[in-house]
Amino acid sequence: APGKEREFVAAISGSGGSTYYADSVKGRFTISRDNAKNTVYLRMNG
């Protein structure tokens, strides 16, 4: 955000089996990946 440092939001392992979220987005955001499409997603609700 303007005037702030870059902060972690979410991460997902290469296999997709491990994910981790910042407390500020937990329960609202979902990270996922499609390795066949070489794409990672961040679904943001609320």
ModelCIF file with pLDDT and N, C-alpha, C, O atoms, coordinates in Angstrom:
data_MODEL
#
_entry.id   MODEL 
#
_entity.id                         1 
_entity.type                       polymer 
_entity.pdbx_number_of_molecules   1 
#
_entity_poly.entity_id                      1 
_entity_poly.type                           'polypeptide(L)' 
_entity_poly.nstd_linkage                   no 
_entity_poly.nstd_monomer                   no 
_entity_poly.pdbx_seq_one_letter_code       APGKEREFVAAISGSGGSTYYADSVKGRFTISRDNAKNTVYLRMNG 
_entity_poly.pdbx_seq_one_letter_code_can   APGKEREFVAAISGSGGSTYYADSVKGRFTISRDNAKNTVYLRMNG 
_entity_poly.pdbx_strand_id                 A 
#
loop_
_entity_poly_seq.entity_id 
_entity_poly_seq.num 
_entity_poly_seq.mon_id 
_entity_poly_seq.hetero 
1 1  ALA n 
1 2  PRO n 
1 3  GLY n 
1 4  LYS n 
1 5  GLU n 
1 6  ARG n 
1 7  GLU n 
1 8  PHE n 
1 9  VAL n 
1 10 ALA n 
1 11 ALA n 
1 12 ILE n 
1 13 SER n 
1 14 GLY n 
1 15 SER n 
1 16 GLY n 
1 17 GLY n 
1 18 SER n 
1 19 THR n 
1 20 TYR n 
1 21 TYR n 
1 22 ALA n 
1 23 ASP n 
1 24 SER n 
1 25 VAL n 
1 26 LYS n 
1 27 GLY n 
1 28 ARG n 
1 29 PHE n 
1 30 THR n 
1 31 ILE n 
1 32 SER n 
1 33 ARG n 
1 34 ASP n 
1 35 ASN n 
1 36 ALA n 
1 37 LYS n 
1 38 ASN n 
1 39 THR n 
1 40 VAL n 
1 41 TYR n 
1 42 LEU n 
1 43 ARG n 
1 44 MET n 
1 45 ASN n 
1 46 GLY n 
#
_struct_asym.id          A 
_struct_asym.entity_id   1 
#
loop_
_ma_qa_metric.id 
_ma_qa_metric.mode 
_ma_qa_metric.name 
_ma_qa_metric.software_group_id 
_ma_qa_metric.type 
1 global pLDDT . pLDDT 
2 local  pLDDT . pLDDT 
#
_ma_qa_metric_global.metric_id      1 
_ma_qa_metric_global.metric_value   97.07 
_ma_qa_metric_global.model_id       1 
_ma_qa_metric_global.ordinal_id     1 
#
loop_
_ma_qa_metric_local.label_asym_id 
_ma_qa_metric_local.label_comp_id 
_ma_qa_metric_local.label_seq_id 
_ma_qa_metric_local.metric_id 
_ma_qa_metric_local.metric_value 
_ma_qa_metric_local.model_id 
_ma_qa_metric_local.ordinal_id 
A ALA 1  2 97.00 1 1  
A PRO 2  2 92.00 1 2  
A GLY 3  2 95.00 1 3  
A LYS 4  2 96.00 1 4  
A GLU 5  2 97.00 1 5  
A ARG 6  2 97.00 1 6  
A GLU 7  2 97.00 1 7  
A PHE 8  2 98.00 1 8  
A VAL 9  2 98.00 1 9  
A ALA 10 2 98.00 1 10 
A ALA 11 2 98.00 1 11 
A ILE 12 2 98.00 1 12 
A SER 13 2 97.00 1 13 
A GLY 14 2 95.00 1 14 
A SER 15 2 94.00 1 15 
A GLY 16 2 94.00 1 16 
A GLY 17 2 95.00 1 17 
A SER 18 2 96.00 1 18 
A THR 19 2 97.00 1 19 
A TYR 20 2 97.00 1 20 
A TYR 21 2 98.00 1 21 
A ALA 22 2 98.00 1 22 
A ASP 23 2 98.00 1 23 
A SER 24 2 97.00 1 24 
A VAL 25 2 98.00 1 25 
A LYS 26 2 98.00 1 26 
A GLY 27 2 97.00 1 27 
A ARG 28 2 98.00 1 28 
A PHE 29 2 98.00 1 29 
A THR 30 2 98.00 1 30 
A ILE 31 2 98.00 1 31 
A SER 32 2 98.00 1 32 
A ARG 33 2 98.00 1 33 
A ASP 34 2 97.00 1 34 
A ASN 35 2 96.00 1 35 
A ALA 36 2 96.00 1 36 
A LYS 37 2 97.00 1 37 
A ASN 38 2 97.00 1 38 
A THR 39 2 98.00 1 39 
A VAL 40 2 98.00 1 40 
A TYR 41 2 98.00 1 41 
A LEU 42 2 98.00 1 42 
A ARG 43 2 98.00 1 43 
A MET 44 2 98.00 1 44 
A ASN 45 2 98.00 1 45 
A GLY 46 2 98.00 1 46 
#
loop_
_atom_site.group_PDB 
_atom_site.id 
_atom_site.type_symbol 
_atom_site.label_atom_id 
_atom_site.label_alt_id 
_atom_site.label_comp_id 
_atom_site.label_asym_id 
_atom_site.label_entity_id 
_atom_site.label_seq_id 
_atom_site.pdbx_PDB_ins_code 
_atom_site.Cartn_x 
_atom_site.Cartn_y 
_atom_site.Cartn_z 
_atom_site.occupancy 
_atom_site.B_iso_or_equiv 
_atom_site.pdbx_formal_charge 
_atom_site.auth_seq_id 
_atom_site.auth_comp_id 
_atom_site.auth_asym_id 
_atom_site.auth_atom_id 
_atom_site.pdbx_PDB_model_num 
ATOM 1   N N  . ALA A 1 1  ? 0.842   -1.182  0.000   1.00 97.00 ? 1  ALA A N  1 
ATOM 2   C CA . ALA A 1 1  ? 0.000   0.000   0.000   1.00 97.00 ? 1  ALA A CA 1 
ATOM 3   C C  . ALA A 1 1  ? 0.886   1.244   0.000   1.00 97.00 ? 1  ALA A C  1 
ATOM 4   O O  . ALA A 1 1  ? 2.047   1.171   0.401   1.00 97.00 ? 1  ALA A O  1 
ATOM 5   N N  . PRO A 1 2  ? 0.355   2.381   -0.443  1.00 92.00 ? 2  PRO A N  1 
ATOM 6   C CA . PRO A 1 2  ? 1.160   3.609   -0.480  1.00 92.00 ? 2  PRO A CA 1 
ATOM 7   C C  . PRO A 1 2  ? 1.745   3.943   0.890   1.00 92.00 ? 2  PRO A C  1 
ATOM 8   O O  . PRO A 1 2  ? 1.033   3.959   1.894   1.00 92.00 ? 2  PRO A O  1 
ATOM 9   N N  . GLY A 1 3  ? 3.044   4.209   0.916   1.00 95.00 ? 3  GLY A N  1 
ATOM 10  C CA . GLY A 1 3  ? 3.702   4.579   2.154   1.00 95.00 ? 3  GLY A CA 1 
ATOM 11  C C  . GLY A 1 3  ? 3.991   3.438   3.104   1.00 95.00 ? 3  GLY A C  1 
ATOM 12  O O  . GLY A 1 3  ? 4.474   3.656   4.215   1.00 95.00 ? 3  GLY A O  1 
ATOM 13  N N  . LYS A 1 4  ? 3.695   2.208   2.670   1.00 96.00 ? 4  LYS A N  1 
ATOM 14  C CA . LYS A 1 4  ? 3.925   1.060   3.542   1.00 96.00 ? 4  LYS A CA 1 
ATOM 15  C C  . LYS A 1 4  ? 4.903   0.090   2.887   1.00 96.00 ? 4  LYS A C  1 
ATOM 16  O O  . LYS A 1 4  ? 5.133   0.135   1.679   1.00 96.00 ? 4  LYS A O  1 
ATOM 17  N N  . GLU A 1 5  ? 5.467   -0.780  3.706   1.00 97.00 ? 5  GLU A N  1 
ATOM 18  C CA . GLU A 1 5  ? 6.361   -1.806  3.190   1.00 97.00 ? 5  GLU A CA 1 
ATOM 19  C C  . GLU A 1 5  ? 5.565   -2.933  2.522   1.00 97.00 ? 5  GLU A C  1 
ATOM 20  O O  . GLU A 1 5  ? 4.386   -3.144  2.805   1.00 97.00 ? 5  GLU A O  1 
ATOM 21  N N  . ARG A 1 6  ? 6.243   -3.635  1.642   1.00 97.00 ? 6  ARG A N  1 
ATOM 22  C CA . ARG A 1 6  ? 5.618   -4.791  1.010   1.00 97.00 ? 6  ARG A CA 1 
ATOM 23  C C  . ARG A 1 6  ? 5.380   -5.856  2.071   1.00 97.00 ? 6  ARG A C  1 
ATOM 24  O O  . ARG A 1 6  ? 6.263   -6.135  2.881   1.00 97.00 ? 6  ARG A O  1 
ATOM 25  N N  . GLU A 1 7  ? 4.174   -6.458  2.072   1.00 97.00 ? 7  GLU A N  1 
ATOM 26  C CA . GLU A 1 7  ? 3.842   -7.443  3.087   1.00 97.00 ? 7  GLU A CA 1 
ATOM 27  C C  . GLU A 1 7  ? 3.355   -8.736  2.466   1.00 97.00 ? 7  GLU A C  1 
ATOM 28  O O  . GLU A 1 7  ? 2.776   -8.758  1.380   1.00 97.00 ? 7  GLU A O  1 
ATOM 29  N N  . PHE A 1 8  ? 3.608   -9.800  3.188   1.00 98.00 ? 8  PHE A N  1 
ATOM 30  C CA . PHE A 1 8  ? 3.193   -11.134 2.773   1.00 98.00 ? 8  PHE A CA 1 
ATOM 31  C C  . PHE A 1 8  ? 1.683   -11.267 2.867   1.00 98.00 ? 8  PHE A C  1 
ATOM 32  O O  . PHE A 1 8  ? 1.061   -10.770 3.806   1.00 98.00 ? 8  PHE A O  1 
ATOM 33  N N  . VAL A 1 9  ? 1.094   -11.950 1.876   1.00 98.00 ? 9  VAL A N  1 
ATOM 34  C CA . VAL A 1 9  ? -0.337  -12.218 1.878   1.00 98.00 ? 9  VAL A CA 1 
ATOM 35  C C  . VAL A 1 9  ? -0.600  -13.722 1.977   1.00 98.00 ? 9  VAL A C  1 
ATOM 36  O O  . VAL A 1 9  ? -1.303  -14.175 2.881   1.00 98.00 ? 9  VAL A O  1 
ATOM 37  N N  . ALA A 1 10 ? -0.038  -14.486 1.052   1.00 98.00 ? 10 ALA A N  1 
ATOM 38  C CA . ALA A 1 10 ? -0.287  -15.928 1.014   1.00 98.00 ? 10 ALA A CA 1 
ATOM 39  C C  . ALA A 1 10 ? 0.790   -16.602 0.185   1.00 98.00 ? 10 ALA A C  1 
ATOM 40  O O  . ALA A 1 10 ? 1.430   -15.970 -0.655  1.00 98.00 ? 10 ALA A O  1 
ATOM 41  N N  . ALA A 1 11 ? 0.984   -17.894 0.428   1.00 98.00 ? 11 ALA A N  1 
ATOM 42  C CA . ALA A 1 11 ? 1.956   -18.663 -0.352  1.00 98.00 ? 11 ALA A CA 1 
ATOM 43  C C  . ALA A 1 11 ? 1.479   -20.091 -0.492  1.00 98.00 ? 11 ALA A C  1 
ATOM 44  O O  . ALA A 1 11 ? 0.715   -20.591 0.333   1.00 98.00 ? 11 ALA A O  1 
ATOM 45  N N  . ILE A 1 12 ? 1.940   -20.743 -1.554  1.00 98.00 ? 12 ILE A N  1 
ATOM 46  C CA . ILE A 1 12 ? 1.573   -22.127 -1.824  1.00 98.00 ? 12 ILE A CA 1 
ATOM 47  C C  . ILE A 1 12 ? 2.816   -22.862 -2.331  1.00 98.00 ? 12 ILE A C  1 
ATOM 48  O O  . ILE A 1 12 ? 3.579   -22.323 -3.133  1.00 98.00 ? 12 ILE A O  1 
ATOM 49  N N  . SER A 1 13 ? 3.012   -24.085 -1.863  1.00 97.00 ? 13 SER A N  1 
ATOM 50  C CA . SER A 1 13 ? 4.173   -24.868 -2.274  1.00 97.00 ? 13 SER A CA 1 
ATOM 51  C C  . SER A 1 13 ? 4.042   -25.331 -3.721  1.00 97.00 ? 13 SER A C  1 
ATOM 52  O O  . SER A 1 13 ? 2.965   -25.259 -4.315  1.00 97.00 ? 13 SER A O  1 
ATOM 53  N N  . GLY A 1 14 ? 5.137   -25.799 -4.269  1.00 95.00 ? 14 GLY A N  1 
ATOM 54  C CA . GLY A 1 14 ? 5.129   -26.260 -5.647  1.00 95.00 ? 14 GLY A CA 1 
ATOM 55  C C  . GLY A 1 14 ? 4.137   -27.392 -5.892  1.00 95.00 ? 14 GLY A C  1 
ATOM 56  O O  . GLY A 1 14 ? 3.485   -27.446 -6.935  1.00 95.00 ? 14 GLY A O  1 
ATOM 57  N N  . SER A 1 15 ? 4.034   -28.285 -4.929  1.00 94.00 ? 15 SER A N  1 
ATOM 58  C CA . SER A 1 15 ? 3.098   -29.406 -5.058  1.00 94.00 ? 15 SER A CA 1 
ATOM 59  C C  . SER A 1 15 ? 1.654   -28.965 -4.870  1.00 94.00 ? 15 SER A C  1 
ATOM 60  O O  . SER A 1 15 ? 0.728   -29.667 -5.275  1.00 94.00 ? 15 SER A O  1 
ATOM 61  N N  . GLY A 1 16 ? 1.460   -27.795 -4.252  1.00 94.00 ? 16 GLY A N  1 
ATOM 62  C CA . GLY A 1 16 ? 0.121   -27.337 -3.910  1.00 94.00 ? 16 GLY A CA 1 
ATOM 63  C C  . GLY A 1 16 ? -0.376  -27.873 -2.584  1.00 94.00 ? 16 GLY A C  1 
ATOM 64  O O  . GLY A 1 16 ? -1.476  -27.531 -2.150  1.00 94.00 ? 16 GLY A O  1 
ATOM 65  N N  . GLY A 1 17 ? 0.419   -28.709 -1.935  1.00 95.00 ? 17 GLY A N  1 
ATOM 66  C CA . GLY A 1 17 ? -0.029  -29.350 -0.714  1.00 95.00 ? 17 GLY A CA 1 
ATOM 67  C C  . GLY A 1 17 ? 0.132   -28.530 0.546   1.00 95.00 ? 17 GLY A C  1 
ATOM 68  O O  . GLY A 1 17 ? -0.407  -28.886 1.594   1.00 95.00 ? 17 GLY A O  1 
ATOM 69  N N  . SER A 1 18 ? 0.866   -27.435 0.457   1.00 96.00 ? 18 SER A N  1 
ATOM 70  C CA . SER A 1 18 ? 1.087   -26.591 1.618   1.00 96.00 ? 18 SER A CA 1 
ATOM 71  C C  . SER A 1 18 ? 0.744   -25.149 1.279   1.00 96.00 ? 18 SER A C  1 
ATOM 72  O O  . SER A 1 18 ? 1.193   -24.613 0.266   1.00 96.00 ? 18 SER A O  1 
ATOM 73  N N  . THR A 1 19 ? -0.055  -24.530 2.139   1.00 97.00 ? 19 THR A N  1 
ATOM 74  C CA . THR A 1 19 ? -0.399  -23.124 1.966   1.00 97.00 ? 19 THR A CA 1 
ATOM 75  C C  . THR A 1 19 ? -0.226  -22.404 3.300   1.00 97.00 ? 19 THR A C  1 
ATOM 76  O O  . THR A 1 19 ? -0.239  -23.013 4.370   1.00 97.00 ? 19 THR A O  1 
ATOM 77  N N  . TYR A 1 20 ? -0.063  -21.094 3.199   1.00 97.00 ? 20 TYR A N  1 
ATOM 78  C CA . TYR A 1 20 ? 0.099   -20.289 4.407   1.00 97.00 ? 20 TYR A CA 1 
ATOM 79  C C  . TYR A 1 20 ? -0.437  -18.895 4.129   1.00 97.00 ? 20 TYR A C  1 
ATOM 80  O O  . TYR A 1 20 ? -0.267  -18.354 3.036   1.00 97.00 ? 20 TYR A O  1 
ATOM 81  N N  . TYR A 1 21 ? -1.101  -18.311 5.159   1.00 98.00 ? 21 TYR A N  1 
ATOM 82  C CA . TYR A 1 21 ? -1.745  -17.014 4.975   1.00 98.00 ? 21 TYR A CA 1 
ATOM 83  C C  . TYR A 1 21 ? -1.338  -16.044 6.078   1.00 98.00 ? 21 TYR A C  1 
ATOM 84  O O  . TYR A 1 21 ? -1.057  -16.443 7.208   1.00 98.00 ? 21 TYR A O  1 
ATOM 85  N N  . ALA A 1 22 ? -1.314  -14.778 5.729   1.00 98.00 ? 22 ALA A N  1 
ATOM 86  C CA . ALA A 1 22 ? -1.195  -13.742 6.744   1.00 98.00 ? 22 ALA A CA 1 
ATOM 87  C C  . ALA A 1 22 ? -2.472  -13.730 7.576   1.00 98.00 ? 22 ALA A C  1 
ATOM 88  O O  . ALA A 1 22 ? -3.556  -14.017 7.068   1.00 98.00 ? 22 ALA A O  1 
ATOM 89  N N  . ASP A 1 23 ? -2.338  -13.400 8.843   1.00 98.00 ? 23 ASP A N  1 
ATOM 90  C CA . ASP A 1 23 ? -3.511  -13.379 9.718   1.00 98.00 ? 23 ASP A CA 1 
ATOM 91  C C  . ASP A 1 23 ? -4.587  -12.422 9.207   1.00 98.00 ? 23 ASP A C  1 
ATOM 92  O O  . ASP A 1 23 ? -5.781  -12.662 9.389   1.00 98.00 ? 23 ASP A O  1 
ATOM 93  N N  . SER A 1 24 ? -4.156  -11.344 8.570   1.00 97.00 ? 24 SER A N  1 
ATOM 94  C CA . SER A 1 24 ? -5.103  -10.319 8.133   1.00 97.00 ? 24 SER A CA 1 
ATOM 95  C C  . SER A 1 24 ? -6.019  -10.797 7.008   1.00 97.00 ? 24 SER A C  1 
ATOM 96  O O  . SER A 1 24 ? -7.055  -10.181 6.759   1.00 97.00 ? 24 SER A O  1 
ATOM 97  N N  . VAL A 1 25 ? -5.659  -11.872 6.331   1.00 98.00 ? 25 VAL A N  1 
ATOM 98  C CA . VAL A 1 25 ? -6.480  -12.345 5.207   1.00 98.00 ? 25 VAL A CA 1 
ATOM 99  C C  . VAL A 1 25 ? -7.019  -13.756 5.428   1.00 98.00 ? 25 VAL A C  1 
ATOM 100 O O  . VAL A 1 25 ? -7.814  -14.252 4.630   1.00 98.00 ? 25 VAL A O  1 
ATOM 101 N N  . LYS A 1 26 ? -6.593  -14.389 6.491   1.00 98.00 ? 26 LYS A N  1 
ATOM 102 C CA . LYS A 1 26 ? -7.009  -15.771 6.749   1.00 98.00 ? 26 LYS A CA 1 
ATOM 103 C C  . LYS A 1 26 ? -8.534  -15.854 6.843   1.00 98.00 ? 26 LYS A C  1 
ATOM 104 O O  . LYS A 1 26 ? -9.176  -15.055 7.525   1.00 98.00 ? 26 LYS A O  1 
ATOM 105 N N  . GLY A 1 27 ? -9.090  -16.832 6.147   1.00 97.00 ? 27 GLY A N  1 
ATOM 106 C CA . GLY A 1 27 ? -10.529 -17.010 6.139   1.00 97.00 ? 27 GLY A CA 1 
ATOM 107 C C  . GLY A 1 27 ? -11.252 -16.207 5.069   1.00 97.00 ? 27 GLY A C  1 
ATOM 108 O O  . GLY A 1 27 ? -12.432 -16.442 4.807   1.00 97.00 ? 27 GLY A O  1 
ATOM 109 N N  . ARG A 1 28 ? -10.544 -15.248 4.442   1.00 98.00 ? 28 ARG A N  1 
ATOM 110 C CA . ARG A 1 28 ? -11.152 -14.432 3.383   1.00 98.00 ? 28 ARG A CA 1 
ATOM 111 C C  . ARG A 1 28 ? -10.496 -14.694 2.026   1.00 98.00 ? 28 ARG A C  1 
ATOM 112 O O  . ARG A 1 28 ? -11.170 -14.672 0.995   1.00 98.00 ? 28 ARG A O  1 
ATOM 113 N N  . PHE A 1 29 ? -9.191  -14.941 2.024   1.00 98.00 ? 29 PHE A N  1 
ATOM 114 C CA . PHE A 1 29 ? -8.446  -15.157 0.784   1.00 98.00 ? 29 PHE A CA 1 
ATOM 115 C C  . PHE A 1 29 ? -8.084  -16.634 0.653   1.00 98.00 ? 29 PHE A C  1 
ATOM 116 O O  . PHE A 1 29 ? -7.874  -17.327 1.649   1.00 98.00 ? 29 PHE A O  1 
ATOM 117 N N  . THR A 1 30 ? -8.017  -17.099 -0.591  1.00 98.00 ? 30 THR A N  1 
ATOM 118 C CA . THR A 1 30 ? -7.603  -18.471 -0.870  1.00 98.00 ? 30 THR A CA 1 
ATOM 119 C C  . THR A 1 30 ? -6.595  -18.473 -2.005  1.00 98.00 ? 30 THR A C  1 
ATOM 120 O O  . THR A 1 30 ? -6.860  -17.946 -3.085  1.00 98.00 ? 30 THR A O  1 
ATOM 121 N N  . ILE A 1 31 ? -5.443  -19.067 -1.753  1.00 98.00 ? 31 ILE A N  1 
ATOM 122 C CA . ILE A 1 31 ? -4.435  -19.222 -2.794  1.00 98.00 ? 31 ILE A CA 1 
ATOM 123 C C  . ILE A 1 31 ? -4.547  -20.636 -3.371  1.00 98.00 ? 31 ILE A C  1 
ATOM 124 O O  . ILE A 1 31 ? -4.771  -21.601 -2.641  1.00 98.00 ? 31 ILE A O  1 
ATOM 125 N N  . SER A 1 32 ? -4.388  -20.736 -4.680  1.00 98.00 ? 32 SER A N  1 
ATOM 126 C CA . SER A 1 32 ? -4.415  -22.033 -5.341  1.00 98.00 ? 32 SER A CA 1 
ATOM 127 C C  . SER A 1 32 ? -3.520  -21.968 -6.564  1.00 98.00 ? 32 SER A C  1 
ATOM 128 O O  . SER A 1 32 ? -3.096  -20.890 -6.979  1.00 98.00 ? 32 SER A O  1 
ATOM 129 N N  . ARG A 1 33 ? -3.240  -23.115 -7.131  1.00 98.00 ? 33 ARG A N  1 
ATOM 130 C CA . ARG A 1 33 ? -2.398  -23.153 -8.327  1.00 98.00 ? 33 ARG A CA 1 
ATOM 131 C C  . ARG A 1 33 ? -2.879  -24.263 -9.238  1.00 98.00 ? 33 ARG A C  1 
ATOM 132 O O  . ARG A 1 33 ? -3.420  -25.275 -8.790  1.00 98.00 ? 33 ARG A O  1 
ATOM 133 N N  . ASP A 1 34 ? -2.668  -24.049 -10.532 1.00 97.00 ? 34 ASP A N  1 
ATOM 134 C CA . ASP A 1 34 ? -2.937  -25.053 -11.543 1.00 97.00 ? 34 ASP A CA 1 
ATOM 135 C C  . ASP A 1 34 ? -1.614  -25.284 -12.262 1.00 97.00 ? 34 ASP A C  1 
ATOM 136 O O  . ASP A 1 34 ? -1.217  -24.495 -13.119 1.00 97.00 ? 34 ASP A O  1 
ATOM 137 N N  . ASN A 1 35 ? -0.941  -26.363 -11.907 1.00 96.00 ? 35 ASN A N  1 
ATOM 138 C CA . ASN A 1 35 ? 0.387   -26.591 -12.466 1.00 96.00 ? 35 ASN A CA 1 
ATOM 139 C C  . ASN A 1 35 ? 0.339   -26.944 -13.955 1.00 96.00 ? 35 ASN A C  1 
ATOM 140 O O  . ASN A 1 35 ? 1.328   -26.776 -14.668 1.00 96.00 ? 35 ASN A O  1 
ATOM 141 N N  . ALA A 1 36 ? -0.799  -27.427 -14.415 1.00 96.00 ? 36 ALA A N  1 
ATOM 142 C CA . ALA A 1 36 ? -0.937  -27.710 -15.844 1.00 96.00 ? 36 ALA A CA 1 
ATOM 143 C C  . ALA A 1 36 ? -1.021  -26.419 -16.658 1.00 96.00 ? 36 ALA A C  1 
ATOM 144 O O  . ALA A 1 36 ? -0.678  -26.394 -17.840 1.00 96.00 ? 36 ALA A O  1 
ATOM 145 N N  . LYS A 1 37 ? -1.480  -25.354 -16.011 1.00 97.00 ? 37 LYS A N  1 
ATOM 146 C CA . LYS A 1 37 ? -1.622  -24.064 -16.696 1.00 97.00 ? 37 LYS A CA 1 
ATOM 147 C C  . LYS A 1 37 ? -0.538  -23.069 -16.287 1.00 97.00 ? 37 LYS A C  1 
ATOM 148 O O  . LYS A 1 37 ? -0.546  -21.924 -16.741 1.00 97.00 ? 37 LYS A O  1 
ATOM 149 N N  . ASN A 1 38 ? 0.388   -23.494 -15.438 1.00 97.00 ? 38 ASN A N  1 
ATOM 150 C CA . ASN A 1 38 ? 1.465   -22.606 -14.968 1.00 97.00 ? 38 ASN A CA 1 
ATOM 151 C C  . ASN A 1 38 ? 0.914   -21.313 -14.374 1.00 97.00 ? 38 ASN A C  1 
ATOM 152 O O  . ASN A 1 38 ? 1.431   -20.226 -14.634 1.00 97.00 ? 38 ASN A O  1 
ATOM 153 N N  . THR A 1 39 ? -0.128  -21.444 -13.585 1.00 98.00 ? 39 THR A N  1 
ATOM 154 C CA . THR A 1 39 ? -0.824  -20.266 -13.057 1.00 98.00 ? 39 THR A CA 1 
ATOM 155 C C  . THR A 1 39 ? -1.126  -20.439 -11.574 1.00 98.00 ? 39 THR A C  1 
ATOM 156 O O  . THR A 1 39 ? -1.503  -21.519 -11.119 1.00 98.00 ? 39 THR A O  1 
ATOM 157 N N  . VAL A 1 40 ? -0.953  -19.359 -10.840 1.00 98.00 ? 40 VAL A N  1 
ATOM 158 C CA . VAL A 1 40 ? -1.358  -19.317 -9.439  1.00 98.00 ? 40 VAL A CA 1 
ATOM 159 C C  . VAL A 1 40 ? -2.451  -18.264 -9.305  1.00 98.00 ? 40 VAL A C  1 
ATOM 160 O O  . VAL A 1 40 ? -2.456  -17.256 -10.011 1.00 98.00 ? 40 VAL A O  1 
ATOM 161 N N  . TYR A 1 41 ? -3.375  -18.521 -8.387  1.00 98.00 ? 41 TYR A N  1 
ATOM 162 C CA . TYR A 1 41 ? -4.542  -17.649 -8.208  1.00 98.00 ? 41 TYR A CA 1 
ATOM 163 C C  . TYR A 1 41 ? -4.614  -17.160 -6.769  1.00 98.00 ? 41 TYR A C  1 
ATOM 164 O O  . TYR A 1 41 ? -4.100  -17.797 -5.849  1.00 98.00 ? 41 TYR A O  1 
ATOM 165 N N  . LEU A 1 42 ? -5.254  -16.028 -6.600  1.00 98.00 ? 42 LEU A N  1 
ATOM 166 C CA . LEU A 1 42 ? -5.595  -15.537 -5.275  1.00 98.00 ? 42 LEU A CA 1 
ATOM 167 C C  . LEU A 1 42 ? -7.054  -15.108 -5.318  1.00 98.00 ? 42 LEU A C  1 
ATOM 168 O O  . LEU A 1 42 ? -7.399  -14.086 -5.911  1.00 98.00 ? 42 LEU A O  1 
ATOM 169 N N  . ARG A 1 43 ? -7.894  -15.897 -4.688  1.00 98.00 ? 43 ARG A N  1 
ATOM 170 C CA . ARG A 1 43 ? -9.313  -15.552 -4.585  1.00 98.00 ? 43 ARG A CA 1 
ATOM 171 C C  . ARG A 1 43 ? -9.493  -14.716 -3.342  1.00 98.00 ? 43 ARG A C  1 
ATOM 172 O O  . ARG A 1 43 ? -9.124  -15.135 -2.245  1.00 98.00 ? 43 ARG A O  1 
ATOM 173 N N  . MET A 1 44 ? -10.061 -13.532 -3.505  1.00 98.00 ? 44 MET A N  1 
ATOM 174 C CA . MET A 1 44 ? -10.224 -12.595 -2.405  1.00 98.00 ? 44 MET A CA 1 
ATOM 175 C C  . MET A 1 44 ? -11.701 -12.326 -2.201  1.00 98.00 ? 44 MET A C  1 
ATOM 176 O O  . MET A 1 44 ? -12.360 -11.737 -3.058  1.00 98.00 ? 44 MET A O  1 
ATOM 177 N N  . ASN A 1 45 ? -12.215 -12.759 -1.065  1.00 98.00 ? 45 ASN A N  1 
ATOM 178 C CA . ASN A 1 45 ? -13.611 -12.517 -0.688  1.00 98.00 ? 45 ASN A CA 1 
ATOM 179 C C  . ASN A 1 45 ? -13.665 -11.568 0.496   1.00 98.00 ? 45 ASN A C  1 
ATOM 180 O O  . ASN A 1 45 ? -12.676 -11.386 1.206   1.00 98.00 ? 45 ASN A O  1 
ATOM 181 N N  . GLY A 1 46 ? -14.822 -10.969 0.702   1.00 98.00 ? 46 GLY A N  1 
ATOM 182 C CA . GLY A 1 46 ? -14.984 -10.083 1.848   1.00 98.00 ? 46 GLY A CA 1 
ATOM 183 C C  . GLY A 1 46 ? -13.966 -8.968  1.885   1.00 98.00 ? 46 GLY A C  1 
ATOM 184 O O  . GLY A 1 46 ? -13.986 -8.144  2.800   1.00 98.00 ? 46 GLY A O  1 
#
